[in-house]
Amino acid sequence: MLRPSMVSIADHTAISKLFMHGKQIILTQKFAEGEYFCRLAVGITIVGRDAALARGEPN
């Protein structure tokens, strides 16, 4: 991860999850501030070879 899986500053919170779903690598993020929020997801499929997540430091 580029940052801890949860960051909270004042009323702003950002939550990120990186995980495997079958052979896909999925990143989901939720950004919230007060009553407003935004969610996004990105999926990556590696063709022709196995994919794996490598975690540097524990979250």
Protein backbone atom coordinates (compact mmCIF):
# COMPACT_ATOMS: atom_id res chain seq x y z
CA MET A 1 0.00 0.00 0.00
CA LEU A 2 1.07 3.55 -0.57
CA ARG A 3 -0.34 4.58 2.80
CA PRO A 4 -1.90 2.90 5.84
CA SER A 5 -5.23 1.19 5.06
CA MET A 6 -7.09 3.82 7.12
CA VAL A 7 -6.19 7.48 7.43
CA SER A 8 -8.27 9.92 9.45
CA ILE A 9 -7.54 13.64 9.62
CA ALA A 10 -10.13 15.88 11.29
CA ASP A 11 -13.48 14.99 9.63
CA HIS A 12 -11.86 13.33 6.58
CA THR A 13 -11.41 9.53 6.44
CA ALA A 14 -9.83 7.43 3.69
CA ILE A 15 -10.08 3.63 3.75
CA SER A 16 -8.23 1.43 1.23
CA LYS A 17 -8.38 -2.34 0.74
CA LEU A 18 -6.09 -4.33 -1.55
CA PHE A 19 -6.97 -8.01 -2.04
CA MET A 20 -7.09 -10.94 -4.44
CA HIS A 21 -10.40 -12.14 -5.91
CA GLY A 22 -9.69 -15.29 -7.87
CA LYS A 23 -6.90 -14.27 -10.25
CA GLN A 24 -7.70 -10.55 -10.04
CA ILE A 25 -6.03 -7.94 -7.87
CA ILE A 26 -8.63 -5.49 -6.52
CA LEU A 27 -8.15 -2.07 -4.92
CA THR A 28 -11.15 -0.39 -3.28
CA GLN A 29 -11.11 3.02 -1.65
CA LYS A 30 -13.66 5.09 0.25
CA PHE A 31 -13.18 8.76 1.03
CA ALA A 32 -15.59 10.41 3.47
CA GLU A 33 -15.94 13.85 4.98
CA GLY A 34 -19.03 14.66 7.00
CA GLU A 35 -22.09 13.53 5.01
CA TYR A 36 -20.19 13.31 1.70
CA PHE A 37 -18.32 10.27 0.41
CA CYS A 38 -16.79 8.83 -2.74
CA ARG A 39 -16.00 5.18 -3.49
CA LEU A 40 -13.88 3.68 -6.22
CA ALA A 41 -12.63 0.27 -7.27
CA VAL A 42 -9.94 -0.88 -9.69
CA GLY A 43 -9.48 -4.47 -10.84
CA ILE A 44 -6.39 -5.83 -12.55
CA THR A 45 -6.11 -9.17 -14.33
CA ILE A 46 -2.69 -10.54 -15.25
CA VAL A 47 -2.89 -12.66 -18.43
CA GLY A 48 -0.40 -15.43 -19.09
CA ARG A 49 1.04 -15.76 -15.60
CA ASP A 50 -0.01 -16.08 -11.97
CA ALA A 51 -0.56 -12.94 -9.91
CA ALA A 52 0.19 -12.50 -6.21
CA LEU A 53 0.11 -9.70 -3.68
CA ALA A 54 3.30 -8.89 -1.82
CA ARG A 55 2.82 -6.94 1.38
CA GLY A 56 5.73 -4.85 2.56
CA GLU A 57 4.68 -3.69 6.02
CA PRO A 58 1.63 -4.77 8.03
CA ASN A 59 -1.31 -2.31 8.03
